[in-house]
């Protein structure tokens, strides 16, 4: 198996007991380490309809490091910061799905902690197609258009991930990265908003100025 940038074995027993979010597929995600793969896209139904609370939220982003034990409280604080507070049902389901994504990344990649970014945007954050200086990045869009990506062998064909989908992207620090897939954040219609959640291995996340998915 390819090096995932981890010390194998230390977290395996804990990882095996961790929850996964709806639609998660460990076997499919493990394909990220194949020599000819720079991305894995898992389509799934939108886990929560939260456009109403996003429309009332505050534009901005929140980043934090998380382990499985402390993630729930940090998610709640992050959603509060973006003023994604009500109604209770959608807010609770959104927080629960984000927690599942965090636990899935920790377990699926056997990572000790992750860097999480909650991003509520009303403009296109990064129009240029690019790949990131990370190990593996996962992006999920809950409201608004999903991440767009191209194959470098066919740059004129733009693909867009659906809302709720799990988009996994190998970065420059991955052992099998080939720059075969480039991605960017999609353009937003005037007055529209996009809520996305990005997760990386915390140790590999670059400092301020990192491109968005």
N, C-alpha and C. Protein backbone atom coordinates (compact mmCIF):
# COMPACT_ATOMS: atom_id res chain seq x y z
N UNK A 1 0.85 -1.20 0.00
CA UNK A 1 0.00 0.00 0.00
C UNK A 1 0.88 1.25 0.00
N UNK A 2 0.41 2.30 -0.67
CA UNK A 2 1.20 3.52 -0.77
C UNK A 2 1.24 4.24 0.58
N UNK A 3 2.32 4.96 0.78
CA UNK A 3 2.49 5.73 2.00
C UNK A 3 1.42 6.81 2.07
N UNK A 4 0.68 6.88 3.16
CA UNK A 4 -0.34 7.90 3.35
C UNK A 4 0.19 9.06 4.18
N UNK A 5 1.46 9.12 4.45
CA UNK A 5 1.99 10.18 5.27
C UNK A 5 1.64 10.01 6.72
N UNK A 6 1.55 8.75 7.20
CA UNK A 6 1.16 8.49 8.58
C UNK A 6 2.07 7.44 9.18
N UNK A 7 2.00 7.30 10.49
CA UNK A 7 2.66 6.19 11.16
C UNK A 7 1.64 5.08 11.31
N UNK A 8 1.74 4.10 10.46
CA UNK A 8 0.72 3.06 10.43
C UNK A 8 0.62 2.32 11.76
N UNK A 9 -0.61 1.99 12.10
CA UNK A 9 -0.84 1.15 13.25
C UNK A 9 -1.22 1.88 14.51
N UNK A 10 -0.75 3.08 14.70
CA UNK A 10 -0.99 3.78 15.96
C UNK A 10 -2.47 4.06 16.18
N UNK A 11 -3.18 4.40 15.10
CA UNK A 11 -4.57 4.81 15.24
C UNK A 11 -5.55 3.76 14.70
N UNK A 12 -5.03 2.61 14.23
CA UNK A 12 -5.89 1.66 13.53
C UNK A 12 -7.07 1.17 14.36
N UNK A 13 -6.84 0.77 15.61
CA UNK A 13 -7.92 0.21 16.43
C UNK A 13 -9.00 1.25 16.70
N UNK A 14 -8.58 2.47 16.97
CA UNK A 14 -9.56 3.54 17.19
C UNK A 14 -10.31 3.81 15.90
N UNK A 15 -9.58 3.86 14.78
CA UNK A 15 -10.19 4.18 13.49
C UNK A 15 -11.25 3.17 13.10
N UNK A 16 -11.02 1.91 13.41
CA UNK A 16 -11.98 0.88 13.04
C UNK A 16 -13.32 1.07 13.74
N UNK A 17 -13.31 1.71 14.89
CA UNK A 17 -14.55 1.90 15.65
C UNK A 17 -15.26 3.21 15.30
N UNK A 18 -14.61 4.07 14.54
CA UNK A 18 -15.18 5.38 14.24
C UNK A 18 -16.34 5.27 13.27
N UNK A 19 -17.27 6.17 13.42
CA UNK A 19 -18.41 6.25 12.52
C UNK A 19 -17.99 6.75 11.15
N UNK A 20 -18.87 6.56 10.17
CA UNK A 20 -18.69 7.12 8.84
C UNK A 20 -19.99 7.85 8.48
N UNK A 21 -19.91 8.88 7.63
CA UNK A 21 -21.14 9.57 7.22
C UNK A 21 -21.88 8.75 6.17
N UNK A 22 -23.11 9.15 5.88
CA UNK A 22 -23.89 8.50 4.84
C UNK A 22 -23.14 8.54 3.52
N UNK A 23 -23.12 7.42 2.80
CA UNK A 23 -22.49 7.36 1.49
C UNK A 23 -21.01 7.02 1.49
N UNK A 24 -20.40 7.01 2.67
CA UNK A 24 -18.95 6.74 2.76
C UNK A 24 -18.65 5.31 2.34
N UNK A 25 -17.56 5.12 1.60
CA UNK A 25 -17.16 3.80 1.12
C UNK A 25 -15.65 3.67 1.26
N UNK A 26 -15.19 2.98 2.32
CA UNK A 26 -13.76 2.87 2.58
C UNK A 26 -13.00 2.26 1.40
N UNK A 27 -13.58 1.25 0.78
CA UNK A 27 -12.89 0.57 -0.32
C UNK A 27 -12.72 1.51 -1.52
N UNK A 28 -13.76 2.24 -1.85
CA UNK A 28 -13.66 3.17 -2.96
C UNK A 28 -12.67 4.29 -2.66
N UNK A 29 -12.70 4.79 -1.45
CA UNK A 29 -11.80 5.89 -1.08
C UNK A 29 -10.35 5.43 -1.06
N UNK A 30 -10.13 4.17 -0.71
CA UNK A 30 -8.76 3.65 -0.71
C UNK A 30 -8.15 3.68 -2.11
N UNK A 31 -9.02 3.79 -3.12
CA UNK A 31 -8.52 3.92 -4.49
C UNK A 31 -7.73 5.20 -4.73
N UNK A 32 -7.81 6.15 -3.80
CA UNK A 32 -7.01 7.37 -3.91
C UNK A 32 -5.52 7.07 -4.00
N UNK A 33 -5.12 5.90 -3.52
CA UNK A 33 -3.69 5.59 -3.47
C UNK A 33 -3.21 4.81 -4.69
N UNK A 34 -4.08 4.60 -5.67
CA UNK A 34 -3.67 3.94 -6.90
C UNK A 34 -2.83 4.89 -7.75
N UNK A 35 -1.94 4.33 -8.52
CA UNK A 35 -0.98 5.15 -9.27
C UNK A 35 -1.64 6.01 -10.34
N UNK A 36 -2.82 5.64 -10.80
CA UNK A 36 -3.46 6.37 -11.90
C UNK A 36 -4.66 7.18 -11.44
N UNK A 37 -4.74 7.49 -10.15
CA UNK A 37 -5.91 8.18 -9.60
C UNK A 37 -5.52 9.44 -8.84
N UNK A 38 -6.10 10.57 -9.24
CA UNK A 38 -5.89 11.82 -8.50
C UNK A 38 -7.17 12.29 -7.82
N UNK A 39 -8.28 11.66 -8.12
CA UNK A 39 -9.54 12.07 -7.49
C UNK A 39 -10.49 10.89 -7.37
N UNK A 40 -11.31 10.93 -6.34
CA UNK A 40 -12.42 9.99 -6.18
C UNK A 40 -13.64 10.83 -5.86
N UNK A 41 -14.72 10.57 -6.60
CA UNK A 41 -15.98 11.28 -6.38
C UNK A 41 -17.04 10.28 -5.95
N UNK A 42 -17.59 10.47 -4.77
CA UNK A 42 -18.68 9.62 -4.28
C UNK A 42 -19.95 10.46 -4.27
N UNK A 43 -20.86 10.11 -5.16
CA UNK A 43 -22.14 10.82 -5.21
C UNK A 43 -23.06 10.28 -4.12
N UNK A 44 -23.77 11.18 -3.48
CA UNK A 44 -24.73 10.78 -2.47
C UNK A 44 -25.82 11.83 -2.40
N UNK A 45 -26.99 11.48 -1.93
CA UNK A 45 -28.05 12.49 -1.77
C UNK A 45 -27.61 13.58 -0.80
N UNK A 46 -28.15 14.77 -1.00
CA UNK A 46 -27.84 15.85 -0.07
C UNK A 46 -28.31 15.44 1.32
N UNK A 47 -27.41 15.38 2.31
CA UNK A 47 -27.77 14.84 3.63
C UNK A 47 -28.68 15.75 4.44
N UNK A 48 -28.71 17.04 4.11
CA UNK A 48 -29.56 17.97 4.85
C UNK A 48 -29.85 19.18 3.97
N UNK A 49 -31.09 19.59 3.95
CA UNK A 49 -31.47 20.81 3.23
C UNK A 49 -31.35 21.97 4.20
N UNK A 50 -30.37 22.82 3.95
CA UNK A 50 -30.09 23.90 4.91
C UNK A 50 -29.98 25.26 4.24
N UNK A 51 -30.57 25.41 3.04
CA UNK A 51 -30.49 26.69 2.34
C UNK A 51 -31.11 27.82 3.16
N UNK A 52 -32.15 27.50 3.93
CA UNK A 52 -32.83 28.53 4.71
C UNK A 52 -31.91 29.14 5.76
N UNK A 53 -31.18 28.29 6.48
CA UNK A 53 -30.30 28.85 7.51
C UNK A 53 -29.07 29.49 6.90
N UNK A 54 -28.62 28.99 5.73
CA UNK A 54 -27.47 29.60 5.05
C UNK A 54 -27.83 30.99 4.56
N UNK A 55 -29.07 31.18 4.09
CA UNK A 55 -29.50 32.50 3.63
C UNK A 55 -29.46 33.53 4.75
N UNK A 56 -29.63 33.08 5.99
CA UNK A 56 -29.62 34.00 7.13
C UNK A 56 -28.26 34.06 7.82
N UNK A 57 -27.32 33.25 7.37
CA UNK A 57 -26.02 33.18 8.03
C UNK A 57 -25.11 34.34 7.67
N UNK A 58 -23.93 34.32 8.28
CA UNK A 58 -22.94 35.37 8.06
C UNK A 58 -21.85 34.87 7.14
N UNK A 59 -21.58 35.59 6.05
CA UNK A 59 -20.54 35.20 5.12
C UNK A 59 -19.18 35.22 5.82
N UNK A 60 -18.40 34.18 5.61
CA UNK A 60 -17.07 34.09 6.22
C UNK A 60 -16.63 32.65 6.29
N UNK A 61 -15.51 32.42 6.94
CA UNK A 61 -15.01 31.06 7.08
C UNK A 61 -14.44 30.84 8.48
N UNK A 62 -14.48 29.59 8.89
CA UNK A 62 -13.95 29.19 10.19
C UNK A 62 -13.06 27.97 9.97
N UNK A 63 -11.87 27.98 10.54
CA UNK A 63 -10.96 26.84 10.45
C UNK A 63 -10.58 26.37 11.84
N UNK A 64 -10.44 25.05 11.98
CA UNK A 64 -10.01 24.51 13.27
C UNK A 64 -9.40 23.13 13.07
N UNK A 65 -8.52 22.76 14.00
CA UNK A 65 -8.00 21.40 14.05
C UNK A 65 -8.96 20.55 14.88
N UNK A 66 -9.08 19.27 14.55
CA UNK A 66 -10.02 18.44 15.29
C UNK A 66 -9.56 17.00 15.35
N UNK A 67 -9.84 16.37 16.47
CA UNK A 67 -9.79 14.92 16.61
C UNK A 67 -11.23 14.47 16.80
N UNK A 68 -11.47 13.17 16.80
CA UNK A 68 -12.84 12.69 16.96
C UNK A 68 -13.43 13.13 18.29
N UNK A 69 -12.63 13.17 19.33
CA UNK A 69 -13.14 13.48 20.67
C UNK A 69 -13.64 14.91 20.80
N UNK A 70 -12.92 15.85 20.23
CA UNK A 70 -13.29 17.25 20.43
C UNK A 70 -14.03 17.89 19.28
N UNK A 71 -14.32 17.11 18.23
CA UNK A 71 -14.85 17.71 17.01
C UNK A 71 -16.24 18.31 17.19
N UNK A 72 -17.12 17.65 17.91
CA UNK A 72 -18.50 18.10 18.00
C UNK A 72 -18.61 19.52 18.52
N UNK A 73 -17.91 19.82 19.60
CA UNK A 73 -17.97 21.17 20.17
C UNK A 73 -17.39 22.21 19.22
N UNK A 74 -16.33 21.84 18.50
CA UNK A 74 -15.72 22.78 17.57
C UNK A 74 -16.63 23.04 16.38
N UNK A 75 -17.33 22.01 15.92
CA UNK A 75 -18.29 22.21 14.84
C UNK A 75 -19.38 23.17 15.28
N UNK A 76 -19.92 22.95 16.46
CA UNK A 76 -20.98 23.82 16.97
C UNK A 76 -20.52 25.27 17.09
N UNK A 77 -19.31 25.46 17.58
CA UNK A 77 -18.79 26.83 17.69
C UNK A 77 -18.60 27.45 16.31
N UNK A 78 -18.12 26.65 15.35
CA UNK A 78 -17.93 27.15 14.00
C UNK A 78 -19.24 27.55 13.34
N UNK A 79 -20.27 26.72 13.49
CA UNK A 79 -21.57 27.05 12.93
C UNK A 79 -22.17 28.27 13.61
N UNK A 80 -21.96 28.40 14.91
CA UNK A 80 -22.42 29.59 15.62
C UNK A 80 -21.72 30.84 15.08
N UNK A 81 -20.43 30.73 14.81
CA UNK A 81 -19.67 31.88 14.29
C UNK A 81 -20.24 32.34 12.96
N UNK A 82 -20.67 31.39 12.13
CA UNK A 82 -21.27 31.74 10.84
C UNK A 82 -22.76 32.05 10.97
N UNK A 83 -23.25 32.04 12.20
CA UNK A 83 -24.64 32.35 12.52
C UNK A 83 -25.61 31.39 11.82
N UNK A 84 -25.20 30.13 11.73
CA UNK A 84 -26.06 29.07 11.20
C UNK A 84 -26.71 28.40 12.40
N UNK A 85 -27.76 29.02 12.91
CA UNK A 85 -28.27 28.64 14.22
C UNK A 85 -29.64 27.98 14.22
N UNK A 86 -30.50 28.28 13.26
CA UNK A 86 -31.87 27.77 13.33
C UNK A 86 -32.39 27.56 11.91
N UNK A 87 -33.43 26.73 11.73
CA UNK A 87 -34.13 25.96 12.75
C UNK A 87 -33.29 24.79 13.26
N UNK A 88 -33.69 24.28 14.39
CA UNK A 88 -32.88 23.30 15.10
C UNK A 88 -32.64 22.02 14.28
N UNK A 89 -33.67 21.54 13.58
CA UNK A 89 -33.53 20.29 12.85
C UNK A 89 -32.43 20.31 11.81
N UNK A 90 -32.48 21.24 10.82
CA UNK A 90 -31.42 21.30 9.81
C UNK A 90 -30.04 21.58 10.40
N UNK A 91 -29.99 22.45 11.39
CA UNK A 91 -28.70 22.76 12.02
C UNK A 91 -28.10 21.50 12.65
N UNK A 92 -28.90 20.74 13.37
CA UNK A 92 -28.41 19.53 14.04
C UNK A 92 -27.97 18.48 13.01
N UNK A 93 -28.73 18.32 11.92
CA UNK A 93 -28.36 17.34 10.90
C UNK A 93 -27.10 17.76 10.16
N UNK A 94 -26.94 19.06 9.93
CA UNK A 94 -25.73 19.57 9.29
C UNK A 94 -24.51 19.28 10.18
N UNK A 95 -24.61 19.62 11.45
CA UNK A 95 -23.50 19.37 12.38
C UNK A 95 -23.17 17.89 12.46
N UNK A 96 -24.19 17.05 12.45
CA UNK A 96 -23.97 15.61 12.54
C UNK A 96 -23.27 15.07 11.30
N UNK A 97 -23.63 15.59 10.13
CA UNK A 97 -22.97 15.12 8.91
C UNK A 97 -21.52 15.57 8.87
N UNK A 98 -21.25 16.80 9.28
CA UNK A 98 -19.86 17.28 9.32
C UNK A 98 -19.03 16.43 10.29
N UNK A 99 -19.62 16.09 11.42
CA UNK A 99 -18.92 15.21 12.36
C UNK A 99 -18.61 13.87 11.72
N UNK A 100 -19.57 13.33 10.97
CA UNK A 100 -19.32 12.07 10.28
C UNK A 100 -18.18 12.19 9.27
N UNK A 101 -18.11 13.31 8.56
CA UNK A 101 -17.03 13.51 7.60
C UNK A 101 -15.67 13.58 8.29
N UNK A 102 -15.63 14.27 9.41
CA UNK A 102 -14.37 14.36 10.17
C UNK A 102 -13.93 12.97 10.63
N UNK A 103 -14.86 12.22 11.23
CA UNK A 103 -14.53 10.88 11.70
C UNK A 103 -14.15 9.97 10.54
N UNK A 104 -14.83 10.13 9.40
CA UNK A 104 -14.50 9.33 8.24
C UNK A 104 -13.08 9.59 7.75
N UNK A 105 -12.67 10.85 7.72
CA UNK A 105 -11.31 11.17 7.28
C UNK A 105 -10.28 10.64 8.27
N UNK A 106 -10.55 10.81 9.56
CA UNK A 106 -9.62 10.31 10.57
C UNK A 106 -9.48 8.79 10.45
N UNK A 107 -10.61 8.11 10.27
CA UNK A 107 -10.59 6.65 10.22
C UNK A 107 -10.11 6.12 8.88
N UNK A 108 -10.64 6.69 7.79
CA UNK A 108 -10.33 6.17 6.47
C UNK A 108 -8.88 6.34 6.08
N UNK A 109 -8.25 7.41 6.57
CA UNK A 109 -6.85 7.66 6.25
C UNK A 109 -5.92 7.42 7.44
N UNK A 110 -6.50 7.01 8.57
CA UNK A 110 -5.70 6.74 9.77
C UNK A 110 -4.88 7.95 10.18
N UNK A 111 -5.52 9.12 10.21
CA UNK A 111 -4.85 10.36 10.57
C UNK A 111 -5.09 10.68 12.05
N UNK A 112 -4.14 11.31 12.71
CA UNK A 112 -4.33 11.68 14.12
C UNK A 112 -5.26 12.87 14.32
N UNK A 113 -5.29 13.80 13.38
CA UNK A 113 -6.16 14.97 13.48
C UNK A 113 -6.31 15.57 12.08
N UNK A 114 -7.33 16.39 11.93
CA UNK A 114 -7.60 17.01 10.64
C UNK A 114 -7.76 18.52 10.80
N UNK A 115 -7.60 19.21 9.71
CA UNK A 115 -7.89 20.64 9.62
C UNK A 115 -9.23 20.76 8.90
N UNK A 116 -10.17 21.45 9.50
CA UNK A 116 -11.51 21.60 8.96
C UNK A 116 -11.75 23.07 8.63
N UNK A 117 -12.34 23.32 7.46
CA UNK A 117 -12.70 24.69 7.11
C UNK A 117 -14.17 24.73 6.72
N UNK A 118 -14.94 25.51 7.44
CA UNK A 118 -16.34 25.78 7.11
C UNK A 118 -16.37 27.10 6.38
N UNK A 119 -16.91 27.12 5.16
CA UNK A 119 -16.83 28.31 4.32
C UNK A 119 -18.21 28.67 3.79
N UNK A 120 -18.71 29.83 4.20
CA UNK A 120 -19.96 30.36 3.68
C UNK A 120 -19.60 31.56 2.81
N UNK A 121 -19.73 31.40 1.49
CA UNK A 121 -19.24 32.40 0.55
C UNK A 121 -20.36 32.91 -0.34
N UNK A 122 -20.21 34.16 -0.81
CA UNK A 122 -21.14 34.71 -1.79
C UNK A 122 -20.40 35.19 -3.04
N UNK A 123 -19.13 34.84 -3.14
CA UNK A 123 -18.33 35.14 -4.33
C UNK A 123 -17.49 33.91 -4.65
N UNK A 124 -16.94 33.87 -5.86
CA UNK A 124 -16.07 32.77 -6.25
C UNK A 124 -14.71 32.97 -5.58
N UNK A 125 -14.37 32.07 -4.67
CA UNK A 125 -13.17 32.25 -3.86
C UNK A 125 -11.90 32.07 -4.66
N UNK A 126 -11.87 31.07 -5.55
CA UNK A 126 -10.63 30.78 -6.30
C UNK A 126 -11.00 30.34 -7.71
N UNK A 127 -10.98 31.27 -8.68
CA UNK A 127 -11.41 30.94 -10.04
C UNK A 127 -10.41 30.11 -10.84
N UNK A 128 -9.15 30.11 -10.45
CA UNK A 128 -8.12 29.41 -11.22
C UNK A 128 -8.13 27.91 -10.90
N UNK A 129 -8.09 27.08 -11.94
CA UNK A 129 -7.96 25.64 -11.73
C UNK A 129 -6.56 25.34 -11.19
N UNK A 130 -6.50 24.47 -10.18
CA UNK A 130 -5.24 24.23 -9.49
C UNK A 130 -5.29 22.89 -8.76
N UNK A 131 -4.17 22.47 -8.22
CA UNK A 131 -4.14 21.39 -7.23
C UNK A 131 -3.44 21.95 -6.00
N UNK A 132 -3.71 21.36 -4.84
CA UNK A 132 -3.27 21.94 -3.58
C UNK A 132 -2.01 21.26 -3.03
N UNK A 133 -1.28 22.00 -2.23
CA UNK A 133 -0.06 21.46 -1.62
C UNK A 133 -0.40 20.76 -0.31
N UNK A 134 -1.23 19.71 -0.43
CA UNK A 134 -1.67 18.92 0.72
C UNK A 134 -1.52 17.46 0.37
N UNK A 135 -1.87 16.60 1.32
CA UNK A 135 -1.81 15.16 1.09
C UNK A 135 -3.07 14.71 0.33
N UNK A 136 -4.20 14.76 1.00
CA UNK A 136 -5.50 14.49 0.39
C UNK A 136 -6.48 15.53 0.91
N UNK A 137 -7.27 16.09 0.03
CA UNK A 137 -8.30 17.06 0.43
C UNK A 137 -9.67 16.48 0.09
N UNK A 138 -10.63 16.71 1.02
CA UNK A 138 -12.01 16.32 0.74
C UNK A 138 -12.90 17.55 0.86
N UNK A 139 -13.73 17.75 -0.17
CA UNK A 139 -14.62 18.90 -0.21
C UNK A 139 -16.05 18.41 -0.37
N UNK A 140 -16.96 18.97 0.42
CA UNK A 140 -18.38 18.70 0.27
C UNK A 140 -19.13 20.03 0.29
N UNK A 141 -20.03 20.20 -0.67
CA UNK A 141 -20.85 21.41 -0.76
C UNK A 141 -22.27 21.09 -0.33
N UNK A 142 -22.79 21.84 0.62
CA UNK A 142 -24.15 21.63 1.13
C UNK A 142 -25.18 22.54 0.46
N UNK A 143 -24.77 23.75 0.14
CA UNK A 143 -25.65 24.72 -0.51
C UNK A 143 -24.86 25.39 -1.62
N UNK A 144 -25.49 25.56 -2.78
CA UNK A 144 -24.82 26.19 -3.91
C UNK A 144 -24.14 25.18 -4.81
N UNK A 145 -23.45 25.66 -5.85
CA UNK A 145 -22.81 24.77 -6.81
C UNK A 145 -21.62 24.04 -6.21
N UNK A 146 -21.44 22.79 -6.63
CA UNK A 146 -20.33 21.98 -6.11
C UNK A 146 -19.00 22.30 -6.76
N UNK A 147 -17.95 21.72 -6.22
CA UNK A 147 -16.60 21.90 -6.75
C UNK A 147 -16.53 21.51 -8.22
N UNK A 148 -15.83 22.31 -9.01
CA UNK A 148 -15.63 22.01 -10.42
C UNK A 148 -14.20 21.53 -10.64
N UNK A 149 -14.03 20.61 -11.59
CA UNK A 149 -12.69 20.08 -11.86
C UNK A 149 -12.56 19.70 -13.33
N UNK A 150 -11.32 19.65 -13.80
CA UNK A 150 -11.00 19.26 -15.17
C UNK A 150 -9.91 18.19 -15.15
N UNK A 151 -9.89 17.38 -16.18
CA UNK A 151 -8.76 16.49 -16.41
C UNK A 151 -7.77 17.25 -17.28
N UNK A 152 -6.50 17.24 -16.93
CA UNK A 152 -5.52 18.03 -17.68
C UNK A 152 -5.38 17.55 -19.12
N UNK A 153 -5.76 16.30 -19.37
CA UNK A 153 -5.72 15.81 -20.75
C UNK A 153 -6.91 16.30 -21.57
N UNK A 154 -7.95 16.81 -20.88
CA UNK A 154 -9.13 17.36 -21.56
C UNK A 154 -9.56 18.65 -20.84
N UNK A 155 -8.77 19.70 -20.94
CA UNK A 155 -9.00 20.90 -20.14
C UNK A 155 -10.27 21.67 -20.50
N UNK A 156 -10.87 21.39 -21.66
CA UNK A 156 -12.05 22.13 -22.07
C UNK A 156 -13.35 21.54 -21.50
N UNK A 157 -13.25 20.36 -20.88
CA UNK A 157 -14.42 19.70 -20.31
C UNK A 157 -14.44 19.92 -18.80
N UNK A 158 -15.40 20.69 -18.34
CA UNK A 158 -15.48 21.01 -16.91
C UNK A 158 -16.55 20.12 -16.26
N UNK A 159 -16.14 19.42 -15.21
CA UNK A 159 -17.05 18.57 -14.45
C UNK A 159 -17.43 19.29 -13.16
N UNK A 160 -18.66 19.05 -12.70
CA UNK A 160 -19.09 19.66 -11.45
C UNK A 160 -19.66 18.59 -10.52
N UNK A 161 -19.17 18.55 -9.30
CA UNK A 161 -19.69 17.61 -8.30
C UNK A 161 -21.04 18.09 -7.82
N UNK A 162 -21.95 17.17 -7.56
CA UNK A 162 -23.26 17.53 -7.06
C UNK A 162 -23.23 17.91 -5.59
N UNK A 163 -24.25 18.62 -5.15
CA UNK A 163 -24.35 18.96 -3.73
C UNK A 163 -24.41 17.68 -2.90
N UNK A 164 -23.68 17.70 -1.81
CA UNK A 164 -23.65 16.54 -0.92
C UNK A 164 -22.59 15.52 -1.26
N UNK A 165 -22.07 15.56 -2.49
CA UNK A 165 -21.07 14.56 -2.91
C UNK A 165 -19.77 14.71 -2.12
N UNK A 166 -19.04 13.61 -2.02
CA UNK A 166 -17.75 13.60 -1.36
C UNK A 166 -16.68 13.65 -2.44
N UNK A 167 -15.95 14.75 -2.49
CA UNK A 167 -14.92 14.95 -3.51
C UNK A 167 -13.55 14.81 -2.83
N UNK A 168 -12.79 13.79 -3.22
CA UNK A 168 -11.45 13.55 -2.68
C UNK A 168 -10.43 13.91 -3.75
N UNK A 169 -9.45 14.72 -3.37
CA UNK A 169 -8.45 15.21 -4.31
C UNK A 169 -7.05 14.99 -3.76
N UNK A 170 -6.23 14.26 -4.51
CA UNK A 170 -4.83 14.13 -4.12
C UNK A 170 -4.11 15.45 -4.33
N UNK A 171 -3.27 15.83 -3.37
CA UNK A 171 -2.48 17.04 -3.50
C UNK A 171 -1.03 16.72 -3.84
N UNK A 172 -0.24 17.77 -3.95
CA UNK A 172 1.16 17.60 -4.36
C UNK A 172 1.96 16.73 -3.39
N UNK A 173 1.54 16.66 -2.15
CA UNK A 173 2.29 15.89 -1.16
C UNK A 173 1.95 14.40 -1.16
N UNK A 174 0.98 14.00 -1.96
CA UNK A 174 0.64 12.58 -2.05
C UNK A 174 1.64 11.86 -2.94
N UNK A 175 2.02 10.64 -2.54
CA UNK A 175 3.08 9.91 -3.24
C UNK A 175 2.75 9.63 -4.70
N UNK A 176 1.46 9.50 -5.05
CA UNK A 176 1.10 9.15 -6.43
C UNK A 176 0.50 10.31 -7.20
N UNK A 177 0.60 11.53 -6.66
CA UNK A 177 0.01 12.69 -7.33
C UNK A 177 0.63 12.91 -8.71
N UNK A 178 -0.24 13.17 -9.72
CA UNK A 178 0.25 13.34 -11.08
C UNK A 178 -0.20 14.66 -11.72
N UNK A 179 -0.91 15.50 -10.98
CA UNK A 179 -1.49 16.72 -11.56
C UNK A 179 -2.44 16.39 -12.70
N UNK A 180 -3.09 15.24 -12.63
CA UNK A 180 -4.03 14.84 -13.68
C UNK A 180 -5.38 15.53 -13.53
N UNK A 181 -5.70 15.98 -12.32
CA UNK A 181 -6.97 16.65 -12.03
C UNK A 181 -6.69 18.01 -11.39
N UNK A 182 -7.32 19.04 -11.93
CA UNK A 182 -7.25 20.37 -11.35
C UNK A 182 -8.67 20.80 -10.97
N UNK A 183 -8.81 21.55 -9.91
CA UNK A 183 -10.13 21.95 -9.44
C UNK A 183 -10.17 23.43 -9.08
N UNK A 184 -11.37 23.95 -8.94
CA UNK A 184 -11.55 25.31 -8.44
C UNK A 184 -12.94 25.44 -7.84
N UNK A 185 -13.15 26.54 -7.13
CA UNK A 185 -14.49 26.82 -6.60
C UNK A 185 -15.33 27.38 -7.75
N UNK A 186 -16.61 27.03 -7.82
CA UNK A 186 -17.44 27.45 -8.95
C UNK A 186 -17.85 28.91 -8.83
N UNK A 187 -18.21 29.47 -9.97
CA UNK A 187 -18.75 30.83 -9.97
C UNK A 187 -20.13 30.82 -9.31
N UNK A 188 -20.45 31.89 -8.63
CA UNK A 188 -21.74 32.01 -7.95
C UNK A 188 -22.60 33.06 -8.64
N UNK A 189 -23.88 32.76 -8.79
CA UNK A 189 -24.80 33.76 -9.34
C UNK A 189 -24.93 34.92 -8.36
N UNK A 190 -25.23 36.10 -8.89
CA UNK A 190 -25.34 37.28 -8.04
C UNK A 190 -26.37 37.05 -6.94
N UNK A 191 -25.97 37.30 -5.72
CA UNK A 191 -26.87 37.18 -4.58
C UNK A 191 -26.99 35.78 -4.02
N UNK A 192 -26.33 34.80 -4.64
CA UNK A 192 -26.42 33.42 -4.14
C UNK A 192 -25.30 33.12 -3.16
N UNK A 193 -25.45 32.03 -2.42
CA UNK A 193 -24.45 31.66 -1.43
C UNK A 193 -24.05 30.20 -1.59
N UNK A 194 -22.87 29.89 -1.09
CA UNK A 194 -22.36 28.52 -1.14
C UNK A 194 -21.79 28.16 0.23
N UNK A 195 -22.23 27.03 0.75
CA UNK A 195 -21.68 26.51 2.00
C UNK A 195 -20.93 25.23 1.70
N UNK A 196 -19.65 25.22 2.00
CA UNK A 196 -18.83 24.04 1.75
C UNK A 196 -17.99 23.74 2.98
N UNK A 197 -17.58 22.48 3.08
CA UNK A 197 -16.72 22.03 4.17
C UNK A 197 -15.53 21.30 3.56
N UNK A 198 -14.34 21.74 3.92
CA UNK A 198 -13.09 21.18 3.40
C UNK A 198 -12.32 20.55 4.55
N UNK A 199 -11.77 19.36 4.32
CA UNK A 199 -11.01 18.67 5.36
C UNK A 199 -9.69 18.19 4.77
N UNK A 200 -8.60 18.48 5.48
CA UNK A 200 -7.25 18.02 5.14
C UNK A 200 -6.63 17.36 6.37
N UNK A 201 -5.52 16.66 6.17
CA UNK A 201 -4.69 16.25 7.31
C UNK A 201 -4.08 17.51 7.90
N UNK A 202 -4.24 17.72 9.18
CA UNK A 202 -3.84 18.97 9.80
C UNK A 202 -2.35 19.25 9.62
N UNK A 203 -1.51 18.25 9.75
CA UNK A 203 -0.07 18.47 9.71
C UNK A 203 0.41 18.95 8.35
N UNK A 204 -0.38 18.66 7.30
CA UNK A 204 0.07 19.02 5.96
C UNK A 204 -0.54 20.32 5.46
N UNK A 205 -1.51 20.88 6.15
CA UNK A 205 -2.15 22.08 5.65
C UNK A 205 -1.17 23.24 5.64
N UNK A 206 -1.12 23.95 4.53
CA UNK A 206 -0.22 25.08 4.43
C UNK A 206 -0.80 26.27 5.19
N UNK A 207 0.01 27.27 5.39
CA UNK A 207 -0.40 28.45 6.15
C UNK A 207 -1.36 29.30 5.32
N UNK A 208 -1.62 30.52 5.81
CA UNK A 208 -2.59 31.39 5.16
C UNK A 208 -2.26 31.56 3.68
N UNK A 209 -3.30 31.66 2.88
CA UNK A 209 -3.11 31.80 1.44
C UNK A 209 -3.38 30.52 0.69
N UNK A 210 -3.68 29.42 1.39
CA UNK A 210 -4.00 28.14 0.75
C UNK A 210 -5.22 28.31 -0.13
N UNK A 211 -5.18 27.76 -1.35
CA UNK A 211 -6.30 27.86 -2.29
C UNK A 211 -7.49 27.06 -1.76
N UNK A 212 -8.68 27.43 -2.21
CA UNK A 212 -9.91 26.77 -1.77
C UNK A 212 -10.42 25.86 -2.87
N UNK A 213 -11.27 24.86 -2.45
CA UNK A 213 -11.81 23.92 -3.41
C UNK A 213 -13.21 24.27 -3.84
